[in-house]
Every structure is written in structure tokens, then in C-alpha cells.
Amino acid sequence: MSADQQHIAHHDDHGSMTKKKIWGVFWVLLGITAIEFFIALVLIPRGVLSHPVGNIIYIALTLLKAFYIVAYFMHLKFEKLGLIYSILVPLMFIIFFIIWMLYEGNFWMHIRL
């Protein structure tokens, strides 16, 4: 087997999305979305979960859905470094900007008093 054939075979093993895999990812994403709707429409209105706890669960489930979309539909599941960079770098910027905005808001609140 030549190097090109090995590369193609390796790419087919990791990069191809069969109908079975696509439907599997679809059902996982649908299940996560159903859980989010159940929390929003049943658990929070009945007082089983508080809003802050529900928000934390929403964020975690949304990050899980984002992982599935990036890993399978953007074919980064087998490119570990690309997956890490595509998730962690934006997450670090988001956390940095949230902390920065909280600091700035606190500064302006104390300046006006």
C-alpha cells in the first residue's frame, strides 16, 4: 500500500460520517435538547430547580452540544489539538471578558458614588 493509499484509508476511518453515525449524533443532540426543554418547562416552573442552578445546567448542556457539533460535523474528533484549541481558546477569551466587564462595572459603580 502506498503512502497516499494509507493516508486515504486513515482519513476514511476517522473522517467519514456514515448514516448510522449521523443519526447517532442527531439522537444525542435531540436528547440533550429535550432535557433542556424539560428543565425549562417543568422543573424550574414547579420550583424543583432554582434559576441559577438551571442556568448552570443549561450552560453545561450547551457546551456538551457544542462539543458534539464540533467533534462530529466539523470532523475535529480525531484532531485533538484542533478540538482543544477550538473550544478552550474562545472559552478563555469569554471568561477573560466576563471578568474584565465585572471589574469595569464595579469600578464605574464606585466612581459614581
PDB file of N, CA and C in Angstrom:
ATOM      1  N   MET A   1       0.851  -1.171   0.000  1.00  0.00           N
ATOM      2  CA  MET A   1       0.000   0.000   0.000  1.00  0.00           C
ATOM      3  C   MET A   1       0.897   1.235   0.000  1.00  0.00           C
ATOM      4  N   SER A   2       0.628   2.159  -0.887  1.00  0.00           N
ATOM      5  CA  SER A   2       1.445   3.364  -0.976  1.00  0.00           C
ATOM      6  C   SER A   2       1.071   4.333   0.150  1.00  0.00           C
ATOM      7  N   ALA A   3       1.882   5.358   0.293  1.00  0.00           N
ATOM      8  CA  ALA A   3       1.644   6.352   1.339  1.00  0.00           C
ATOM      9  C   ALA A   3       0.319   7.070   1.117  1.00  0.00           C
ATOM     10  N   ASP A   4      -0.005   7.364  -0.158  1.00  0.00           N
ATOM     11  CA  ASP A   4      -1.276   8.023  -0.459  1.00  0.00           C
ATOM     12  C   ASP A   4      -2.466   7.146  -0.101  1.00  0.00           C
ATOM     13  N   GLN A   5      -2.364   5.851  -0.393  1.00  0.00           N
ATOM     14  CA  GLN A   5      -3.453   4.930  -0.076  1.00  0.00           C
ATOM     15  C   GLN A   5      -3.606   4.793   1.444  1.00  0.00           C
ATOM     16  N   GLN A   6      -2.488   4.776   2.164  1.00  0.00           N
ATOM     17  CA  GLN A   6      -2.562   4.694   3.625  1.00  0.00           C
ATOM     18  C   GLN A   6      -3.212   5.952   4.194  1.00  0.00           C
ATOM     19  N   HIS A   7      -2.842   7.106   3.624  1.00  0.00           N
ATOM     20  CA  HIS A   7      -3.437   8.358   4.089  1.00  0.00           C
ATOM     21  C   HIS A   7      -4.940   8.380   3.834  1.00  0.00           C
ATOM     22  N   ILE A   8      -5.364   7.933   2.670  1.00  0.00           N
ATOM     23  CA  ILE A   8      -6.789   7.895   2.334  1.00  0.00           C
ATOM     24  C   ILE A   8      -7.522   6.909   3.239  1.00  0.00           C
ATOM     25  N   ALA A   9      -6.929   5.744   3.468  1.00  0.00           N
ATOM     26  CA  ALA A   9      -7.561   4.754   4.351  1.00  0.00           C
ATOM     27  C   ALA A   9      -7.670   5.296   5.768  1.00  0.00           C
ATOM     28  N   HIS A  10      -6.616   5.965   6.236  1.00  0.00           N
ATOM     29  CA  HIS A  10      -6.648   6.551   7.573  1.00  0.00           C
ATOM     30  C   HIS A  10      -7.709   7.644   7.642  1.00  0.00           C
ATOM     31  N   HIS A  11      -7.793   8.471   6.603  1.00  0.00           N
ATOM     32  CA  HIS A  11      -8.786   9.540   6.567  1.00  0.00           C
ATOM     33  C   HIS A  11     -10.200   8.968   6.543  1.00  0.00           C
ATOM     34  N   ASP A  12     -10.421   7.901   5.803  1.00  0.00           N
ATOM     35  CA  ASP A  12     -11.746   7.297   5.736  1.00  0.00           C
ATOM     36  C   ASP A  12     -12.154   6.720   7.082  1.00  0.00           C
ATOM     37  N   ASP A  13     -11.191   6.157   7.829  1.00  0.00           N
ATOM     38  CA  ASP A  13     -11.511   5.600   9.143  1.00  0.00           C
ATOM     39  C   ASP A  13     -11.979   6.676  10.108  1.00  0.00           C
ATOM     40  N   HIS A  14     -11.357   7.846  10.037  1.00  0.00           N
ATOM     41  CA  HIS A  14     -11.637   8.868  11.029  1.00  0.00           C
ATOM     42  C   HIS A  14     -12.543   9.984  10.543  1.00  0.00           C
ATOM     43  N   GLY A  15     -12.541  10.269   9.272  1.00  0.00           N
ATOM     44  CA  GLY A  15     -13.261  11.435   8.795  1.00  0.00           C
ATOM     45  C   GLY A  15     -14.626  11.159   8.217  1.00  0.00           C
ATOM     46  N   SER A  16     -14.933   9.914   7.925  1.00  0.00           N
ATOM     47  CA  SER A  16     -16.203   9.645   7.251  1.00  0.00           C
ATOM     48  C   SER A  16     -17.338   9.566   8.253  1.00  0.00           C
ATOM     49  N   MET A  17     -18.426  10.174   7.874  1.00  0.00           N
ATOM     50  CA  MET A  17     -19.623  10.115   8.695  1.00  0.00           C
ATOM     51  C   MET A  17     -20.631   9.232   7.977  1.00  0.00           C
ATOM     52  N   THR A  18     -20.858   8.070   8.522  1.00  0.00           N
ATOM     53  CA  THR A  18     -21.860   7.191   7.946  1.00  0.00           C
ATOM     54  C   THR A  18     -23.238   7.659   8.404  1.00  0.00           C
ATOM     55  N   LYS A  19     -24.262   7.134   7.752  1.00  0.00           N
ATOM     56  CA  LYS A  19     -25.624   7.489   8.153  1.00  0.00           C
ATOM     57  C   LYS A  19     -25.876   7.092   9.607  1.00  0.00           C
ATOM     58  N   LYS A  20     -25.323   5.966  10.010  1.00  0.00           N
ATOM     59  CA  LYS A  20     -25.512   5.489  11.382  1.00  0.00           C
ATOM     60  C   LYS A  20     -24.904   6.469  12.390  1.00  0.00           C
ATOM     61  N   LYS A  21     -23.696   6.968  12.090  1.00  0.00           N
ATOM     62  CA  LYS A  21     -23.062   7.935  12.989  1.00  0.00           C
ATOM     63  C   LYS A  21     -23.840   9.242  13.023  1.00  0.00           C
ATOM     64  N   ILE A  22     -24.293   9.694  11.860  1.00  0.00           N
ATOM     65  CA  ILE A  22     -25.045  10.949  11.798  1.00  0.00           C
ATOM     66  C   ILE A  22     -26.329  10.836  12.616  1.00  0.00           C
ATOM     67  N   TRP A  23     -27.047   9.733  12.457  1.00  0.00           N
ATOM     68  CA  TRP A  23     -28.281   9.545  13.231  1.00  0.00           C
ATOM     69  C   TRP A  23     -27.979   9.408  14.722  1.00  0.00           C
ATOM     70  N   GLY A  24     -26.858   8.762  15.053  1.00  0.00           N
ATOM     71  CA  GLY A  24     -26.476   8.649  16.463  1.00  0.00           C
ATOM     72  C   GLY A  24     -26.235  10.010  17.091  1.00  0.00           C
ATOM     73  N   VAL A  25     -25.511  10.862  16.390  1.00  0.00           N
ATOM     74  CA  VAL A  25     -25.249  12.212  16.886  1.00  0.00           C
ATOM     75  C   VAL A  25     -26.550  13.004  16.934  1.00  0.00           C
ATOM     76  N   PHE A  26     -27.407  12.832  15.939  1.00  0.00           N
ATOM     77  CA  PHE A  26     -28.707  13.507  15.934  1.00  0.00           C
ATOM     78  C   PHE A  26     -29.505  13.148  17.180  1.00  0.00           C
ATOM     79  N   TRP A  27     -29.567  11.853  17.520  1.00  0.00           N
ATOM     80  CA  TRP A  27     -30.352  11.435  18.686  1.00  0.00           C
ATOM     81  C   TRP A  27     -29.745  11.950  19.982  1.00  0.00           C
ATOM     82  N   VAL A  28     -28.422  12.006  20.061  1.00  0.00           N
ATOM     83  CA  VAL A  28     -27.777  12.558  21.257  1.00  0.00           C
ATOM     84  C   VAL A  28     -28.124  14.039  21.397  1.00  0.00           C
ATOM     85  N   LEU A  29     -27.998  14.790  20.300  1.00  0.00           N
ATOM     86  CA  LEU A  29     -28.334  16.219  20.345  1.00  0.00           C
ATOM     87  C   LEU A  29     -29.811  16.446  20.657  1.00  0.00           C
ATOM     88  N   LEU A  30     -30.671  15.625  20.091  1.00  0.00           N
ATOM     89  CA  LEU A  30     -32.101  15.729  20.376  1.00  0.00           C
ATOM     90  C   LEU A  30     -32.387  15.417  21.850  1.00  0.00           C
ATOM     91  N   GLY A  31     -31.707  14.408  22.387  1.00  0.00           N
ATOM     92  CA  GLY A  31     -31.891  14.059  23.802  1.00  0.00           C
ATOM     93  C   GLY A  31     -31.452  15.179  24.726  1.00  0.00           C
ATOM     94  N   ILE A  32     -30.312  15.799  24.419  1.00  0.00           N
ATOM     95  CA  ILE A  32     -29.837  16.914  25.236  1.00  0.00           C
ATOM     96  C   ILE A  32     -30.817  18.089  25.155  1.00  0.00           C
ATOM     97  N   THR A  33     -31.311  18.369  23.964  1.00  0.00           N
ATOM     98  CA  THR A  33     -32.285  19.454  23.795  1.00  0.00           C
ATOM     99  C   THR A  33     -33.575  19.142  24.551  1.00  0.00           C
ATOM    100  N   ALA A  34     -34.013  17.893  24.524  1.00  0.00           N
ATOM    101  CA  ALA A  34     -35.225  17.504  25.261  1.00  0.00           C
ATOM    102  C   ALA A  34     -35.027  17.694  26.764  1.00  0.00           C
ATOM    103  N   ILE A  35     -33.846  17.376  27.252  1.00  0.00           N
ATOM    104  CA  ILE A  35     -33.553  17.579  28.677  1.00  0.00           C
ATOM    105  C   ILE A  35     -33.608  19.069  29.011  1.00  0.00           C
ATOM    106  N   GLU A  36     -33.045  19.903  28.134  1.00  0.00           N
ATOM    107  CA  GLU A  36     -33.088  21.348  28.366  1.00  0.00           C
ATOM    108  C   GLU A  36     -34.530  21.867  28.400  1.00  0.00           C
ATOM    109  N   PHE A  37     -35.354  21.400  27.463  1.00  0.00           N
ATOM    110  CA  PHE A  37     -36.760  21.813  27.458  1.00  0.00           C
ATOM    111  C   PHE A  37     -37.488  21.319  28.702  1.00  0.00           C
ATOM    112  N   PHE A  38     -37.212  20.107  29.138  1.00  0.00           N
ATOM    113  CA  PHE A  38     -37.841  19.563  30.338  1.00  0.00           C
ATOM    114  C   PHE A  38     -37.480  20.400  31.561  1.00  0.00           C
ATOM    115  N   ILE A  39     -36.222  20.786  31.650  1.00  0.00           N
ATOM    116  CA  ILE A  39     -35.798  21.628  32.769  1.00  0.00           C
ATOM    117  C   ILE A  39     -36.506  22.984  32.706  1.00  0.00           C
ATOM    118  N   ALA A  40     -36.545  23.595  31.501  1.00  0.00           N
ATOM    119  CA  ALA A  40     -37.118  24.942  31.360  1.00  0.00           C
ATOM    120  C   ALA A  40     -38.624  24.963  31.538  1.00  0.00           C
ATOM    121  N   LEU A  41     -39.313  23.915  31.078  1.00  0.00           N
ATOM    122  CA  LEU A  41     -40.780  23.944  31.080  1.00  0.00           C
ATOM    123  C   LEU A  41     -41.429  23.206  32.246  1.00  0.00           C
ATOM    124  N   VAL A  42     -40.659  22.349  32.925  1.00  0.00           N
ATOM    125  CA  VAL A  42     -41.258  21.570  34.010  1.00  0.00           C
ATOM    126  C   VAL A  42     -40.556  21.820  35.342  1.00  0.00           C
ATOM    127  N   LEU A  43     -39.250  21.613  35.394  1.00  0.00           N
ATOM    128  CA  LEU A  43     -38.558  21.639  36.681  1.00  0.00           C
ATOM    129  C   LEU A  43     -38.450  23.040  37.284  1.00  0.00           C
ATOM    130  N   ILE A  44     -38.099  24.026  36.474  1.00  0.00           N
ATOM    131  CA  ILE A  44     -37.947  25.380  37.015  1.00  0.00           C
ATOM    132  C   ILE A  44     -39.297  25.997  37.383  1.00  0.00           C
ATOM    133  N   PRO A  45     -40.335  25.914  36.539  1.00  0.00           N
ATOM    134  CA  PRO A  45     -41.631  26.499  36.943  1.00  0.00           C
ATOM    135  C   PRO A  45     -42.243  25.845  38.187  1.00  0.00           C
ATOM    136  N   ARG A  46     -41.997  24.570  38.384  1.00  0.00           N
ATOM    137  CA  ARG A  46     -42.554  23.895  39.568  1.00  0.00           C
ATOM    138  C   ARG A  46     -41.693  24.080  40.807  1.00  0.00           C
ATOM    139  N   GLY A  47     -40.556  24.731  40.665  1.00  0.00           N
ATOM    140  CA  GLY A  47     -39.703  25.003  41.819  1.00  0.00           C
ATOM    141  C   GLY A  47     -38.777  23.860  42.193  1.00  0.00           C
ATOM    142  N   VAL A  48     -38.675  22.851  41.353  1.00  0.00           N
ATOM    143  CA  VAL A  48     -37.769  21.736  41.644  1.00  0.00           C
ATOM    144  C   VAL A  48     -36.316  22.214  41.541  1.00  0.00           C
ATOM    145  N   LEU A  49     -36.037  23.061  40.549  1.00  0.00           N
ATOM    146  CA  LEU A  49     -34.713  23.662  40.373  1.00  0.00           C
ATOM    147  C   LEU A  49     -34.843  25.179  40.437  1.00  0.00           C
ATOM    148  N   SER A  50     -33.851  25.812  41.029  1.00  0.00           N
ATOM    149  CA  SER A  50     -33.839  27.274  41.025  1.00  0.00           C
ATOM    150  C   SER A  50     -33.271  27.768  39.692  1.00  0.00           C
ATOM    151  N   HIS A  51     -33.489  29.037  39.394  1.00  0.00           N
ATOM    152  CA  HIS A  51     -32.997  29.603  38.137  1.00  0.00           C
ATOM    153  C   HIS A  51     -31.475  29.536  38.025  1.00  0.00           C
ATOM    154  N   PRO A  52     -30.712  29.880  39.073  1.00  0.00           N
ATOM    155  CA  PRO A  52     -29.253  29.801  38.934  1.00  0.00           C
ATOM    156  C   PRO A  52     -28.753  28.381  38.656  1.00  0.00           C
ATOM    157  N   VAL A  53     -29.337  27.406  39.310  1.00  0.00           N
ATOM    158  CA  VAL A  53     -28.942  26.013  39.060  1.00  0.00           C
ATOM    159  C   VAL A  53     -29.341  25.605  37.650  1.00  0.00           C
ATOM    160  N   GLY A  54     -30.525  25.999  37.226  1.00  0.00           N
ATOM    161  CA  GLY A  54     -30.969  25.714  35.866  1.00  0.00           C
ATOM    162  C   GLY A  54     -30.056  26.345  34.829  1.00  0.00           C
ATOM    163  N   ASN A  55     -29.593  27.570  35.091  1.00  0.00           N
ATOM    164  CA  ASN A  55     -28.679  28.239  34.161  1.00  0.00           C
ATOM    165  C   ASN A  55     -27.349  27.500  34.059  1.00  0.00           C
ATOM    166  N   ILE A  56     -26.839  27.032  35.163  1.00  0.00           N
ATOM    167  CA  ILE A  56     -25.580  26.278  35.148  1.00  0.00           C
ATOM    168  C   ILE A  56     -25.755  24.987  34.351  1.00  0.00           C
ATOM    169  N   ILE A  57     -26.888  24.322  34.539  1.00  0.00           N
ATOM    170  CA  ILE A  57     -27.157  23.094  33.784  1.00  0.00           C
ATOM    171  C   ILE A  57     -27.299  23.408  32.299  1.00  0.00           C
ATOM    172  N   TYR A  58     -27.988  24.512  31.959  1.00  0.00           N
ATOM    173  CA  TYR A  58     -28.114  24.919  30.551  1.00  0.00           C
ATOM    174  C   TYR A  58     -26.749  25.135  29.915  1.00  0.00           C
ATOM    175  N   ILE A  59     -25.885  25.848  30.619  1.00  0.00           N
ATOM    176  CA  ILE A  59     -24.549  26.130  30.083  1.00  0.00           C
ATOM    177  C   ILE A  59     -23.777  24.841  29.866  1.00  0.00           C
ATOM    178  N   ALA A  60     -23.834  23.934  30.829  1.00  0.00           N
ATOM    179  CA  ALA A  60     -23.112  22.654  30.693  1.00  0.00           C
ATOM    180  C   ALA A  60     -23.667  21.842  29.521  1.00  0.00           C
ATOM    181  N   LEU A  61     -24.987  21.764  29.402  1.00  0.00           N
ATOM    182  CA  LEU A  61     -25.579  21.000  28.303  1.00  0.00           C
ATOM    183  C   LEU A  61     -25.306  21.658  26.949  1.00  0.00           C
ATOM    184  N   THR A  62     -25.293  22.977  26.914  1.00  0.00           N
ATOM    185  CA  THR A  62     -24.986  23.674  25.665  1.00  0.00           C
ATOM    186  C   THR A  62     -23.539  23.443  25.256  1.00  0.00           C
ATOM    187  N   LEU A  63     -22.625  23.446  26.211  1.00  0.00           N
ATOM    188  CA  LEU A  63     -21.228  23.137  25.897  1.00  0.00           C
ATOM    189  C   LEU A  63     -21.087  21.703  25.404  1.00  0.00           C
ATOM    190  N   LEU A  64     -21.860  20.794  25.967  1.00  0.00           N
ATOM    191  CA  LEU A  64     -21.834  19.403  25.500  1.00  0.00           C
ATOM    192  C   LEU A  64     -22.343  19.309  24.061  1.00  0.00           C
ATOM    193  N   LYS A  65     -23.418  20.031  23.755  1.00  0.00           N
ATOM    194  CA  LYS A  65     -23.919  20.038  22.379  1.00  0.00           C
ATOM    195  C   LYS A  65     -22.901  20.666  21.433  1.00  0.00           C
ATOM    196  N   ALA A  66     -22.255  21.732  21.870  1.00  0.00           N
ATOM    197  CA  ALA A  66     -21.226  22.361  21.032  1.00  0.00           C
ATOM    198  C   ALA A  66     -20.084  21.390  20.767  1.00  0.00           C
ATOM    199  N   PHE A  67     -19.710  20.602  21.773  1.00  0.00           N
ATOM    200  CA  PHE A  67     -18.656  19.606  21.573  1.00  0.00           C
ATOM    201  C   PHE A  67     -19.068  18.592  20.514  1.00  0.00           C
ATOM    202  N   TYR A  68     -20.275  18.089  20.594  1.00  0.00           N
ATOM    203  CA  TYR A  68     -20.735  17.100  19.610  1.00  0.00           C
ATOM    204  C   TYR A  68     -20.749  17.684  18.199  1.00  0.00           C
ATOM    205  N   ILE A  69     -21.214  18.913  18.067  1.00  0.00           N
ATOM    206  CA  ILE A  69     -21.272  19.526  16.742  1.00  0.00           C
ATOM    207  C   ILE A  69     -19.874  19.725  16.179  1.00  0.00           C
ATOM    208  N   VAL A  70     -18.976  20.258  17.005  1.00  0.00           N
ATOM    209  CA  VAL A  70     -17.605  20.498  16.545  1.00  0.00           C
ATOM    210  C   VAL A  70     -16.888  19.182  16.278  1.00  0.00           C
ATOM    211  N   ALA A  71     -17.075  18.215  17.146  1.00  0.00           N
ATOM    212  CA  ALA A  71     -16.344  16.953  17.013  1.00  0.00           C
ATOM    213  C   ALA A  71     -16.790  16.156  15.800  1.00  0.00           C
ATOM    214  N   TYR A  72     -18.072  16.066  15.570  1.00  0.00           N
ATOM    215  CA  TYR A  72     -18.556  15.185  14.513  1.00  0.00           C
ATOM    216  C   TYR A  72     -18.811  15.897  13.192  1.00  0.00           C
ATOM    217  N   PHE A  73     -19.466  17.049  13.226  1.00  0.00           N
ATOM    218  CA  PHE A  73     -19.826  17.697  11.973  1.00  0.00           C
ATOM    219  C   PHE A  73     -18.706  18.568  11.420  1.00  0.00           C
ATOM    220  N   MET A  74     -17.788  18.991  12.274  1.00  0.00           N
ATOM    221  CA  MET A  74     -16.626  19.724  11.790  1.00  0.00           C
ATOM    222  C   MET A  74     -15.403  18.807  11.722  1.00  0.00           C
ATOM    223  N   HIS A  75     -15.595  17.537  12.006  1.00  0.00           N
ATOM    224  CA  HIS A  75     -14.576  16.488  11.881  1.00  0.00           C
ATOM    225  C   HIS A  75     -13.337  16.764  12.719  1.00  0.00           C
ATOM    226  N   LEU A  76     -13.507  17.307  13.912  1.00  0.00           N
ATOM    227  CA  LEU A  76     -12.362  17.564  14.777  1.00  0.00           C
ATOM    228  C   LEU A  76     -12.212  16.524  15.882  1.00  0.00           C
ATOM    229  N   LYS A  77     -13.028  15.496  15.862  1.00  0.00           N
ATOM    230  CA  LYS A  77     -12.958  14.498  16.918  1.00  0.00           C
ATOM    231  C   LYS A  77     -11.597  13.817  16.970  1.00  0.00           C
ATOM    232  N   PHE A  78     -11.019  13.573  15.814  1.00  0.00           N
ATOM    233  CA  PHE A  78      -9.757  12.860  15.774  1.00  0.00           C
ATOM    234  C   PHE A  78      -8.565  13.803  15.649  1.00  0.00           C
ATOM    235  N   GLU A  79      -8.817  15.081  15.655  1.00  0.00           N
ATOM    236  CA  GLU A  79      -7.750  16.065  15.672  1.00  0.00           C
ATOM    237  C   GLU A  79      -7.779  16.727  17.039  1.00  0.00           C
ATOM    238  N   LYS A  80      -7.151  16.095  17.996  1.00  0.00           N
ATOM    239  CA  LYS A  80      -7.258  16.511  19.396  1.00  0.00           C
ATOM    240  C   LYS A  80      -6.800  17.955  19.606  1.00  0.00           C
ATOM    241  N   LEU A  81      -5.681  18.330  19.023  1.00  0.00           N
ATOM    242  CA  LEU A  81      -5.167  19.676  19.220  1.00  0.00           C
ATOM    243  C   LEU A  81      -6.127  20.720  18.632  1.00  0.00           C
ATOM    244  N   GLY A  82      -6.667  20.457  17.452  1.00  0.00           N
ATOM    245  CA  GLY A  82      -7.627  21.378  16.847  1.00  0.00           C
ATOM    246  C   GLY A  82      -8.884  21.502  17.688  1.00  0.00           C
ATOM    247  N   LEU A  83      -9.360  20.385  18.232  1.00  0.00           N
ATOM    248  CA  LEU A  83     -10.549  20.408  19.083  1.00  0.00           C
ATOM    249  C   LEU A  83     -10.281  21.195  20.357  1.00  0.00           C
ATOM    250  N   ILE A  84      -9.127  20.976  20.946  1.00  0.00           N
ATOM    251  CA  ILE A  84      -8.784  21.695  22.174  1.00  0.00           C
ATOM    252  C   ILE A  84      -8.705  23.191  21.910  1.00  0.00           C
ATOM    253  N   TYR A  85      -8.012  23.563  20.830  1.00  0.00           N
ATOM    254  CA  TYR A  85      -7.882  24.987  20.529  1.00  0.00           C
ATOM    255  C   TYR A  85      -9.220  25.615  20.166  1.00  0.00           C
ATOM    256  N   SER A  86     -10.071  24.894  19.460  1.00  0.00           N
ATOM    257  CA  SER A  86     -11.345  25.477  19.033  1.00  0.00           C
ATOM    258  C   SER A  86     -12.327  25.640  20.187  1.00  0.00           C
ATOM    259  N   ILE A  87     -12.112  24.939  21.284  1.00  0.00           N
ATOM    260  CA  ILE A  87     -13.005  25.068  22.432  1.00  0.00           C
ATOM    261  C   ILE A  87     -12.372  25.910  23.541  1.00  0.00           C
ATOM    262  N   LEU A  88     -11.127  25.620  23.871  1.00  0.00           N
ATOM    263  CA  LEU A  88     -10.521  26.288  25.021  1.00  0.00           C
ATOM    264  C   LEU A  88     -10.140  27.741  24.767  1.00  0.00           C
ATOM    265  N   VAL A  89      -9.627  28.047  23.589  1.00  0.00           N
ATOM    266  CA  VAL A  89      -9.209  29.424  23.330  1.00  0.00           C
ATOM    267  C   VAL A  89     -10.402  30.384  23.390  1.00  0.00           C
ATOM    268  N   PRO A  90     -11.523  30.119  22.678  1.00  0.00           N
ATOM    269  CA  PRO A  90     -12.672  31.033  22.829  1.00  0.00           C
ATOM    270  C   PRO A  90     -13.224  31.056  24.254  1.00  0.00           C
ATOM    271  N   LEU A  91     -13.199  29.908  24.938  1.00  0.00           N
ATOM    272  CA  LEU A  91     -13.693  29.868  26.312  1.00  0.00           C
ATOM    273  C   LEU A  91     -12.832  30.741  27.219  1.00  0.00           C
ATOM    274  N   MET A  92     -11.511  30.716  27.030  1.00  0.00           N
ATOM    275  CA  MET A  92     -10.628  31.565  27.830  1.00  0.00           C
ATOM    276  C   MET A  92     -10.906  33.045  27.560  1.00  0.00           C
ATOM    277  N   PHE A  93     -11.134  33.402  26.278  1.00  0.00           N
ATOM    278  CA  PHE A  93     -11.458  34.793  25.963  1.00  0.00           C
ATOM    279  C   PHE A  93     -12.787  35.198  26.585  1.00  0.00           C
ATOM    280  N   ILE A  94     -13.774  34.336  26.549  1.00  0.00           N
ATOM    281  CA  ILE A  94     -15.075  34.652  27.133  1.00  0.00           C
ATOM    282  C   ILE A  94     -14.951  34.869  28.638  1.00  0.00           C
ATOM    283  N   ILE A  95     -14.244  33.980  29.312  1.00  0.00           N
ATOM    284  CA  ILE A  95     -14.049  34.117  30.760  1.00  0.00           C
ATOM    285  C   ILE A  95     -13.286  35.397  31.071  1.00  0.00           C
ATOM    286  N   PHE A  96     -12.238  35.676  30.288  1.00  0.00           N
ATOM    287  CA  PHE A  96     -11.466  36.903  30.477  1.00  0.00           C
ATOM    288  C   PHE A  96     -12.347  38.133  30.328  1.00  0.00           C
ATOM    289  N   PHE A  97     -13.173  38.185  29.282  1.00  0.00           N
ATOM    290  CA  PHE A  97     -14.015  39.356  29.062  1.00  0.00           C
ATOM    291  C   PHE A  97     -15.112  39.482  30.112  1.00  0.00           C
ATOM    292  N   ILE A  98     -15.627  38.379  30.609  1.00  0.00           N
ATOM    293  CA  ILE A  98     -16.618  38.455  31.685  1.00  0.00           C
ATOM    294  C   ILE A  98     -15.986  39.049  32.938  1.00  0.00           C
ATOM    295  N   ILE A  99     -14.804  38.557  33.295  1.00  0.00           N
ATOM    296  CA  ILE A  99     -14.114  39.087  34.478  1.00  0.00           C
ATOM    297  C   ILE A  99     -13.769  40.563  34.278  1.00  0.00           C
ATOM    298  N   TRP A 100     -13.310  40.908  33.084  1.00  0.00           N
ATOM    299  CA  TRP A 100     -12.956  42.291  32.784  1.00  0.00           C
ATOM    300  C   TRP A 100     -14.177  43.201  32.895  1.00  0.00           C
ATOM    301  N   MET A 101     -15.312  42.775  32.345  1.00  0.00           N
ATOM    302  CA  MET A 101     -16.511  43.605  32.400  1.00  0.00           C
ATOM    303  C   MET A 101     -17.030  43.735  33.836  1.00  0.00           C
ATOM    304  N   LEU A 102     -16.933  42.678  34.631  1.00  0.00           N
ATOM    305  CA  LEU A 102     -17.339  42.774  36.032  1.00  0.00           C
ATOM    306  C   LEU A 102     -16.451  43.760  36.786  1.00  0.00           C
ATOM    307  N   TYR A 103     -15.160  43.707  36.526  1.00  0.00           N
ATOM    308  CA  TYR A 103     -14.228  44.635  37.162  1.00  0.00           C
ATOM    309  C   TYR A 103     -14.531  46.070  36.750  1.00  0.00           C
ATOM    310  N   GLU A 104     -14.735  46.308  35.460  1.00  0.00           N
ATOM    311  CA  GLU A 104     -15.036  47.652  34.969  1.00  0.00           C
ATOM    312  C   GLU A 104     -16.365  48.160  35.523  1.00  0.00           C
ATOM    313  N   GLY A 105     -17.369  47.297  35.565  1.00  0.00           N
ATOM    314  CA  GLY A 105     -18.660  47.697  36.116  1.00  0.00           C
ATOM    315  C   GLY A 105     -18.555  48.076  37.575  1.00  0.00           C
ATOM    316  N   ASN A 106     -17.776  47.300  38.325  1.00  0.00           N
ATOM    317  CA  ASN A 106     -17.571  47.595  39.737  1.00  0.00           C
ATOM    318  C   ASN A 106     -16.826  48.922  39.896  1.00  0.00           C
ATOM    319  N   PHE A 107     -15.838  49.182  39.062  1.00  0.00           N
ATOM    320  CA  PHE A 107     -15.090  50.428  39.106  1.00  0.00           C
ATOM    321  C   PHE A 107     -16.007  51.620  38.855  1.00  0.00           C
ATOM    322  N   TRP A 108     -16.837  51.562  37.805  1.00  0.00           N
ATOM    323  CA  TRP A 108     -17.717  52.672  37.470  1.00  0.00           C
ATOM    324  C   TRP A 108     -18.808  52.856  38.529  1.00  0.00           C
ATOM    325  N   MET A 109     -19.217  51.783  39.159  1.00  0.00           N
ATOM    326  CA  MET A 109     -20.224  51.902  40.213  1.00  0.00           C
ATOM    327  C   MET A 109     -19.644  52.661  41.402  1.00  0.00           C
ATOM    328  N   HIS A 110     -18.380  52.401  41.751  1.00  0.00           N
ATOM    329  CA  HIS A 110     -17.759  53.084  42.896  1.00  0.00           C
ATOM    330  C   HIS A 110     -17.349  54.507  42.549  1.00  0.00           C
ATOM    331  N   ILE A 111     -17.053  54.796  41.301  1.00  0.00           N
ATOM    332  CA  ILE A 111     -16.681  56.144  40.868  1.00  0.00           C
ATOM    333  C   ILE A 111     -17.867  57.089  41.007  1.00  0.00           C
ATOM    334  N   ARG A 112     -19.054  56.612  40.715  1.00  0.00           N
ATOM    335  CA  ARG A 112     -20.244  57.472  40.720  1.00  0.00           C
ATOM    336  C   ARG A 112     -20.763  57.726  42.130  1.00  0.00           C
ATOM    337  N   LEU A 113     -20.343  56.932  43.100  1.00  0.00           N
ATOM    338  CA  LEU A 113     -20.833  57.114  44.471  1.00  0.00           C
ATOM    339  C   LEU A 113     -20.069  58.153  45.159  1.00  0.00           C
TER     340      LEU A 113
END
